[in-house]
C-alpha atoms as a PDB file:
ATOM      1  CA  GLU A   1       4.986  20.198 -46.779  1.00  0.00           C
ATOM      2  CA  LYS A   2       5.250  22.380 -43.670  1.00  0.00           C
ATOM      3  CA  THR A   3       3.558  19.736 -41.522  1.00  0.00           C
ATOM      4  CA  THR A   4       6.015  17.106 -42.756  1.00  0.00           C
ATOM      5  CA  SER A   5       9.066  19.220 -41.913  1.00  0.00           C
ATOM      6  CA  THR A   6       7.536  20.140 -38.533  1.00  0.00           C
ATOM      7  CA  GLY A   7       6.868  16.461 -37.822  1.00  0.00           C
ATOM      8  CA  ASN A   8      10.460  15.543 -38.755  1.00  0.00           C
ATOM      9  CA  ARG A   9      11.858  18.271 -36.494  1.00  0.00           C
ATOM     10  CA  SER A  10       9.632  17.094 -33.641  1.00  0.00           C
ATOM     11  CA  SER A  11      10.712  13.455 -33.973  1.00  0.00           C
ATOM     12  CA  LYS A  12      14.400  14.470 -34.283  1.00  0.00           C
ATOM     13  CA  LYS A  13      14.026  16.601 -31.169  1.00  0.00           C
ATOM     14  CA  LYS A  14      12.522  13.669 -29.258  1.00  0.00           C
ATOM     15  CA  ILE A  15      15.342  11.351 -30.368  1.00  0.00           C
ATOM     16  CA  PHE A  16      17.933  13.955 -29.367  1.00  0.00           C
ATOM     17  CA  ILE A  17      16.342  14.350 -25.911  1.00  0.00           C
ATOM     18  CA  LEU A  18      16.171  10.566 -25.388  1.00  0.00           C
ATOM     19  CA  LEU A  19      19.817  10.145 -26.439  1.00  0.00           C
ATOM     20  CA  GLY A  20      20.859  12.964 -24.088  1.00  0.00           C
ATOM     21  CA  LEU A  21      18.909  11.426 -21.229  1.00  0.00           C
ATOM     22  CA  GLY A  22      20.465   8.031 -21.952  1.00  0.00           C
ATOM     23  CA  MET A  23      23.947   9.548 -21.902  1.00  0.00           C
ATOM     24  CA  VAL A  24      23.304  11.299 -18.583  1.00  0.00           C
ATOM     25  CA  LEU A  25      21.931   8.127 -16.985  1.00  0.00           C
ATOM     26  CA  GLY A  26      24.797   6.068 -18.418  1.00  0.00           C
ATOM     27  CA  GLY A  27      27.296   8.583 -17.036  1.00  0.00           C
ATOM     28  CA  ILE A  28      25.713   8.430 -13.583  1.00  0.00           C
ATOM     29  CA  PHE A  29      25.832   4.622 -13.646  1.00  0.00           C
ATOM     30  CA  ALA A  30      29.477   4.680 -14.806  1.00  0.00           C
ATOM     31  CA  LEU A  31      30.405   7.047 -11.994  1.00  0.00           C
ATOM     32  CA  ARG A  32      28.674   4.859  -9.429  1.00  0.00           C
ATOM     33  CA  THR A  33      30.415   1.666 -10.598  1.00  0.00           C
ATOM     34  CA  SER A  34      33.842   3.255 -10.242  1.00  0.00           C
ATOM     35  CA  ASN A  35      33.201   4.656  -6.773  1.00  0.00           C
ATOM     36  CA  ALA A  36      35.851   4.044  -4.107  1.00  0.00           C
ATOM     37  CA  HIS A  37      33.173   3.568  -1.424  1.00  0.00           C
ATOM     38  CA  PRO A  38      31.798   0.007  -1.676  1.00  0.00           C
ATOM     39  CA  HIS A  39      28.463   0.916  -0.052  1.00  0.00           C
ATOM     40  CA  LEU A  40      27.731   3.272  -2.975  1.00  0.00           C
ATOM     41  CA  LEU A  41      28.161   0.599  -5.647  1.00  0.00           C
ATOM     42  CA  PRO A  42      24.918  -0.633  -7.288  1.00  0.00           C
ATOM     43  CA  SER A  43      25.829  -4.269  -6.582  1.00  0.00           C
ATOM     44  CA  PHE A  44      26.265  -3.583  -2.848  1.00  0.00           C
ATOM     45  CA  SER A  45      22.547  -3.074  -2.298  1.00  0.00           C
ATOM     46  CA  LEU A  46      21.612  -6.329  -4.005  1.00  0.00           C
ATOM     47  CA  THR A  47      24.229  -8.488  -2.294  1.00  0.00           C
ATOM     48  CA  ALA A  48      23.486  -6.944   1.103  1.00  0.00           C
ATOM     49  CA  ARG A  49      19.757  -7.625   0.688  1.00  0.00           C
ATOM     50  CA  LEU A  50      20.377 -11.215  -0.329  1.00  0.00           C
ATOM     51  CA  ASP A  51      22.489 -11.668   2.809  1.00  0.00           C
ATOM     52  CA  TYR A  52      19.748 -10.086   4.973  1.00  0.00           C
ATOM     53  CA  TRP A  53      17.121 -12.376   3.429  1.00  0.00           C
ATOM     54  CA  ARG A  54      19.237 -15.492   3.985  1.00  0.00           C
ATOM     55  CA  GLU A  55      19.753 -14.570   7.632  1.00  0.00           C
ATOM     56  CA  THR A  56      16.045 -13.760   8.036  1.00  0.00           C
ATOM     57  CA  LEU A  57      15.110 -17.162   6.599  1.00  0.00           C
ATOM     58  CA  ARG A  58      17.340 -18.755   9.242  1.00  0.00           C
ATOM     59  CA  VAL A  59      15.463 -16.844  11.955  1.00  0.00           C
ATOM     60  CA  ILE A  60      12.142 -17.922  10.419  1.00  0.00           C
ATOM     61  CA  SER A  61      13.200 -21.572  10.315  1.00  0.00           C
ATOM     62  CA  ALA A  62      14.185 -21.392  14.003  1.00  0.00           C
ATOM     63  CA  HIS A  63      10.844 -19.771  15.021  1.00  0.00           C
ATOM     64  CA  PRO A  64       8.305 -20.586  12.268  1.00  0.00           C
ATOM     65  CA  TRP A  65       4.986 -20.491  14.144  1.00  0.00           C
ATOM     66  CA  LEU A  66       5.107 -17.529  16.514  1.00  0.00           C
ATOM     67  CA  GLY A  67       8.289 -15.749  15.406  1.00  0.00           C
ATOM     68  CA  VAL A  68      10.715 -13.962  17.703  1.00  0.00           C
ATOM     69  CA  GLY A  69       8.202 -11.318  18.792  1.00  0.00           C
ATOM     70  CA  LEU A  70       7.453  -7.824  17.521  1.00  0.00           C
ATOM     71  CA  GLY A  71      10.503  -5.599  17.752  1.00  0.00           C
ATOM     72  CA  ASN A  72      12.819  -8.477  18.649  1.00  0.00           C
ATOM     73  CA  PHE A  73      14.159  -9.020  15.142  1.00  0.00           C
ATOM     74  CA  ASP A  74      17.699  -7.727  14.798  1.00  0.00           C
ATOM     75  CA  LEU A  75      20.242  -8.781  12.216  1.00  0.00           C
ATOM     76  CA  GLN A  76      23.900  -8.147  12.886  1.00  0.00           C
ATOM     77  CA  PRO A  77      24.534  -5.620  10.088  1.00  0.00           C
ATOM     78  CA  SER A  78      20.993  -4.192   9.932  1.00  0.00           C
ATOM     79  CA  ARG A  79      17.938  -3.867  12.136  1.00  0.00           C
ATOM     80  CA  TYR A  80      15.665  -4.685   9.186  1.00  0.00           C
ATOM     81  CA  ALA A  81      15.411  -7.562   6.711  1.00  0.00           C
ATOM     82  CA  HIS A  82      14.835  -5.162   3.793  1.00  0.00           C
ATOM     83  CA  ASN A  83      11.739  -7.213   2.971  1.00  0.00           C
ATOM     84  CA  SER A  84       8.725  -6.321   5.102  1.00  0.00           C
ATOM     85  CA  PHE A  85       7.046  -9.674   4.542  1.00  0.00           C
ATOM     86  CA  LEU A  86      10.062 -11.730   5.620  1.00  0.00           C
ATOM     87  CA  GLN A  87      10.567  -9.488   8.624  1.00  0.00           C
ATOM     88  CA  LEU A  88       6.909  -9.691   9.620  1.00  0.00           C
ATOM     89  CA  TRP A  89       7.095 -13.479   9.306  1.00  0.00           C
ATOM     90  CA  ALA A  90      10.280 -13.561  11.416  1.00  0.00           C
ATOM     91  CA  GLU A  91       8.686 -11.374  14.113  1.00  0.00           C
ATOM     92  CA  THR A  92       5.149 -12.787  14.207  1.00  0.00           C
ATOM     93  CA  GLY A  93       5.516 -16.247  12.662  1.00  0.00           C
ATOM     94  CA  LEU A  94       2.990 -17.936  10.413  1.00  0.00           C
ATOM     95  CA  VAL A  95       0.183 -17.009  12.788  1.00  0.00           C
ATOM     96  CA  GLY A  96       0.900 -13.268  12.495  1.00  0.00           C
ATOM     97  CA  MET A  97       1.415 -13.477   8.730  1.00  0.00           C
ATOM     98  CA  ALA A  98      -1.915 -15.278   8.319  1.00  0.00           C
ATOM     99  CA  VAL A  99      -3.707 -12.578  10.319  1.00  0.00           C
ATOM    100  CA  PHE A 100      -1.989  -9.796   8.360  1.00  0.00           C
ATOM    101  CA  VAL A 101      -2.694 -11.348   4.950  1.00  0.00           C
ATOM    102  CA  GLY A 102      -6.275 -12.086   6.045  1.00  0.00           C
ATOM    103  CA  LEU A 103      -6.733  -8.422   6.939  1.00  0.00           C
ATOM    104  CA  TRP A 104      -5.464  -7.374   3.493  1.00  0.00           C
ATOM    105  CA  ALA A 105      -7.771  -9.873   1.838  1.00  0.00           C
ATOM    106  CA  VAL A 106     -10.853  -8.567   3.662  1.00  0.00           C
ATOM    107  CA  ILE A 107     -10.019  -4.935   2.934  1.00  0.00           C
ATOM    108  CA  LEU A 108      -9.161  -5.517  -0.720  1.00  0.00           C
ATOM    109  CA  ARG A 109     -12.177  -7.799  -1.284  1.00  0.00           C
ATOM    110  CA  ASN A 110     -14.604  -5.295   0.200  1.00  0.00           C
ATOM    111  CA  GLY A 111     -13.002  -2.430  -1.713  1.00  0.00           C
ATOM    112  CA  TRP A 112     -13.120  -4.473  -4.909  1.00  0.00           C
ATOM    113  CA  LYS A 113     -16.868  -5.005  -4.471  1.00  0.00           C
ATOM    114  CA  SER A 114     -17.386  -1.480  -5.733  1.00  0.00           C
ATOM    115  CA  ILE A 115     -15.774  -2.466  -9.052  1.00  0.00           C
ATOM    116  CA  SER A 116     -18.814  -1.215 -10.963  1.00  0.00           C
ATOM    117  CA  THR A 117     -17.953   2.338  -9.886  1.00  0.00           C
ATOM    118  CA  PHE A 118     -14.292   1.970 -10.839  1.00  0.00           C
ATOM    119  CA  ARG A 119     -14.958   3.191 -14.372  1.00  0.00           C
ATOM    120  CA  LYS A 120     -16.271   6.441 -12.959  1.00  0.00           C
ATOM    121  CA  ASN A 121     -14.112   6.639  -9.863  1.00  0.00           C
ATOM    122  CA  HIS A 122     -10.486   7.325 -10.700  1.00  0.00           C
ATOM    123  CA  GLN A 123      -9.730   7.706  -6.979  1.00  0.00           C
ATOM    124  CA  LYS A 124     -10.386   3.975  -6.431  1.00  0.00           C
ATOM    125  CA  TRP A 125      -7.983   3.093  -9.244  1.00  0.00           C
ATOM    126  CA  ALA A 126      -5.333   5.422  -7.825  1.00  0.00           C
ATOM    127  CA  LEU A 127      -5.757   3.930  -4.353  1.00  0.00           C
ATOM    128  CA  LEU A 128      -5.542   0.369  -5.689  1.00  0.00           C
ATOM    129  CA  ALA A 129      -2.410   1.250  -7.686  1.00  0.00           C
ATOM    130  CA  GLY A 130      -0.813   2.886  -4.653  1.00  0.00           C
ATOM    131  CA  ILE A 131      -1.638  -0.078  -2.416  1.00  0.00           C
ATOM    132  CA  CYS A 132      -0.196  -2.558  -4.919  1.00  0.00           C
ATOM    133  CA  ILE A 133       2.916  -0.458  -5.535  1.00  0.00           C
ATOM    134  CA  PHE A 134       3.500  -0.236  -1.777  1.00  0.00           C
ATOM    135  CA  LEU A 135       3.212  -4.010  -1.425  1.00  0.00           C
ATOM    136  CA  VAL A 136       5.614  -4.659  -4.307  1.00  0.00           C
ATOM    137  CA  HIS A 137       8.059  -2.067  -2.972  1.00  0.00           C
ATOM    138  CA  ASN A 138       8.072  -3.809   0.396  1.00  0.00           C
ATOM    139  CA  LEU A 139       9.453  -6.950  -1.222  1.00  0.00           C
ATOM    140  CA  MET A 140      12.746  -5.025  -1.326  1.00  0.00           C
ATOM    141  CA  ASP A 141      12.377  -2.549   1.515  1.00  0.00           C
ATOM    142  CA  PHE A 142      11.028  -2.157   5.039  1.00  0.00           C
ATOM    143  CA  THR A 143       8.766   0.898   4.767  1.00  0.00           C
ATOM    144  CA  LEU A 144       5.965  -1.072   6.413  1.00  0.00           C
ATOM    145  CA  PHE A 145       8.008  -0.701   9.621  1.00  0.00           C
ATOM    146  CA  LEU A 146       8.393   3.076   9.302  1.00  0.00           C
ATOM    147  CA  PRO A 147       5.347   4.595  11.038  1.00  0.00           C
ATOM    148  CA  ALA A 148       5.207   7.789   8.972  1.00  0.00           C
ATOM    149  CA  VAL A 149       5.226   5.840   5.714  1.00  0.00           C
ATOM    150  CA  SER A 150       3.040   2.924   6.746  1.00  0.00           C
ATOM    151  CA  LEU A 151       0.421   5.313   8.143  1.00  0.00           C
ATOM    152  CA  ILE A 152      -0.121   6.601   4.621  1.00  0.00           C
ATOM    153  CA  TRP A 153      -0.579   3.022   3.374  1.00  0.00           C
ATOM    154  CA  TRP A 154      -3.093   2.202   6.120  1.00  0.00           C
ATOM    155  CA  ILE A 155      -5.023   5.389   5.301  1.00  0.00           C
ATOM    156  CA  MET A 156      -5.069   4.367   1.638  1.00  0.00           C
ATOM    157  CA  LEU A 157      -6.342   0.897   2.616  1.00  0.00           C
ATOM    158  CA  GLY A 158      -9.088   2.500   4.691  1.00  0.00           C
ATOM    159  CA  MET A 159     -10.089   4.794   1.851  1.00  0.00           C
ATOM    160  CA  PHE A 160     -10.148   1.853  -0.555  1.00  0.00           C
ATOM    161  CA  TYR A 161     -12.277  -0.159   1.887  1.00  0.00           C
ATOM    162  CA  VAL A 162     -15.002   2.497   2.121  1.00  0.00           C
ATOM    163  CA  PRO A 163     -17.819   1.514  -0.229  1.00  0.00           C
ATOM    164  CA  ALA A 164     -18.901   3.853  -2.982  1.00  0.00           C
ATOM    165  CA  PRO A 165     -21.842   6.134  -2.150  1.00  0.00           C
ATOM    166  CA  ARG A 166     -25.195   4.651  -3.050  1.00  0.00           C
ATOM    167  CA  THR A 167     -27.181   6.178  -5.858  1.00  0.00           C
ATOM    168  CA  ALA A 168     -30.634   7.689  -5.359  1.00  0.00           C
ATOM    169  CA  ALA A 169     -32.235   4.640  -7.051  1.00  0.00           C
ATOM    170  CA  GLU A 170     -30.534   2.293  -4.564  1.00  0.00           C
ATOM    171  CA  ASN A 171     -31.727   4.371  -1.621  1.00  0.00           C
ATOM    172  CA  SER A 172     -35.382   4.450  -2.718  1.00  0.00           C
ATOM    173  CA  PRO A 173     -37.864   2.402  -0.660  1.00  0.00           C
ATOM    174  CA  ASP A 174     -38.942   0.521  -3.800  1.00  0.00           C
ATOM    175  CA  ALA A 175     -35.422  -0.779  -4.486  1.00  0.00           C
ATOM    176  CA  VAL A 176     -35.072  -4.544  -4.202  1.00  0.00           C
ATOM    177  CA  LYS A 177     -32.554  -5.468  -1.533  1.00  0.00           C
ATOM    178  CA  LYS A 178     -30.162  -8.324  -2.334  1.00  0.00           C
ATOM    179  CA  ILE A 179     -28.941 -10.450   0.510  1.00  0.00           C
END
């Protein structure tokens, strides 16, 4: 009977904590929606990004193949498109995007070749998750164009690319080499 009452108290405590957290988050959202400063409203970020993307697509349609050149992209209200992929396309055109995506593909394919070690190597999983999260995040942001942040991503790509160390059996002279 003690375990039942302890279990009930634990589940009630969890519900109470979740309700409290929900109230705090709801209060923060309510305060933000009634803010006198329009740039602090949650809807401002979304509408501004949509405007940036529309303008970036116009730049892309005017210069689809080679883009406007690295560092030459500049929107009126913002220097960045708030989408790294659209901005890269606008600056380098389809040619630059193809090279960039090709580089990702080579790195990710070679890193993925060590999939058999993934079960044992949690670092590879963490790197893959970080790489994917960075790519998804850059659909809405421009951190690929911030050197301090993108350097971390490139280091993660390099670490993911490095093949897993070979086992002693693979290094033996009797091991059959596959070509």
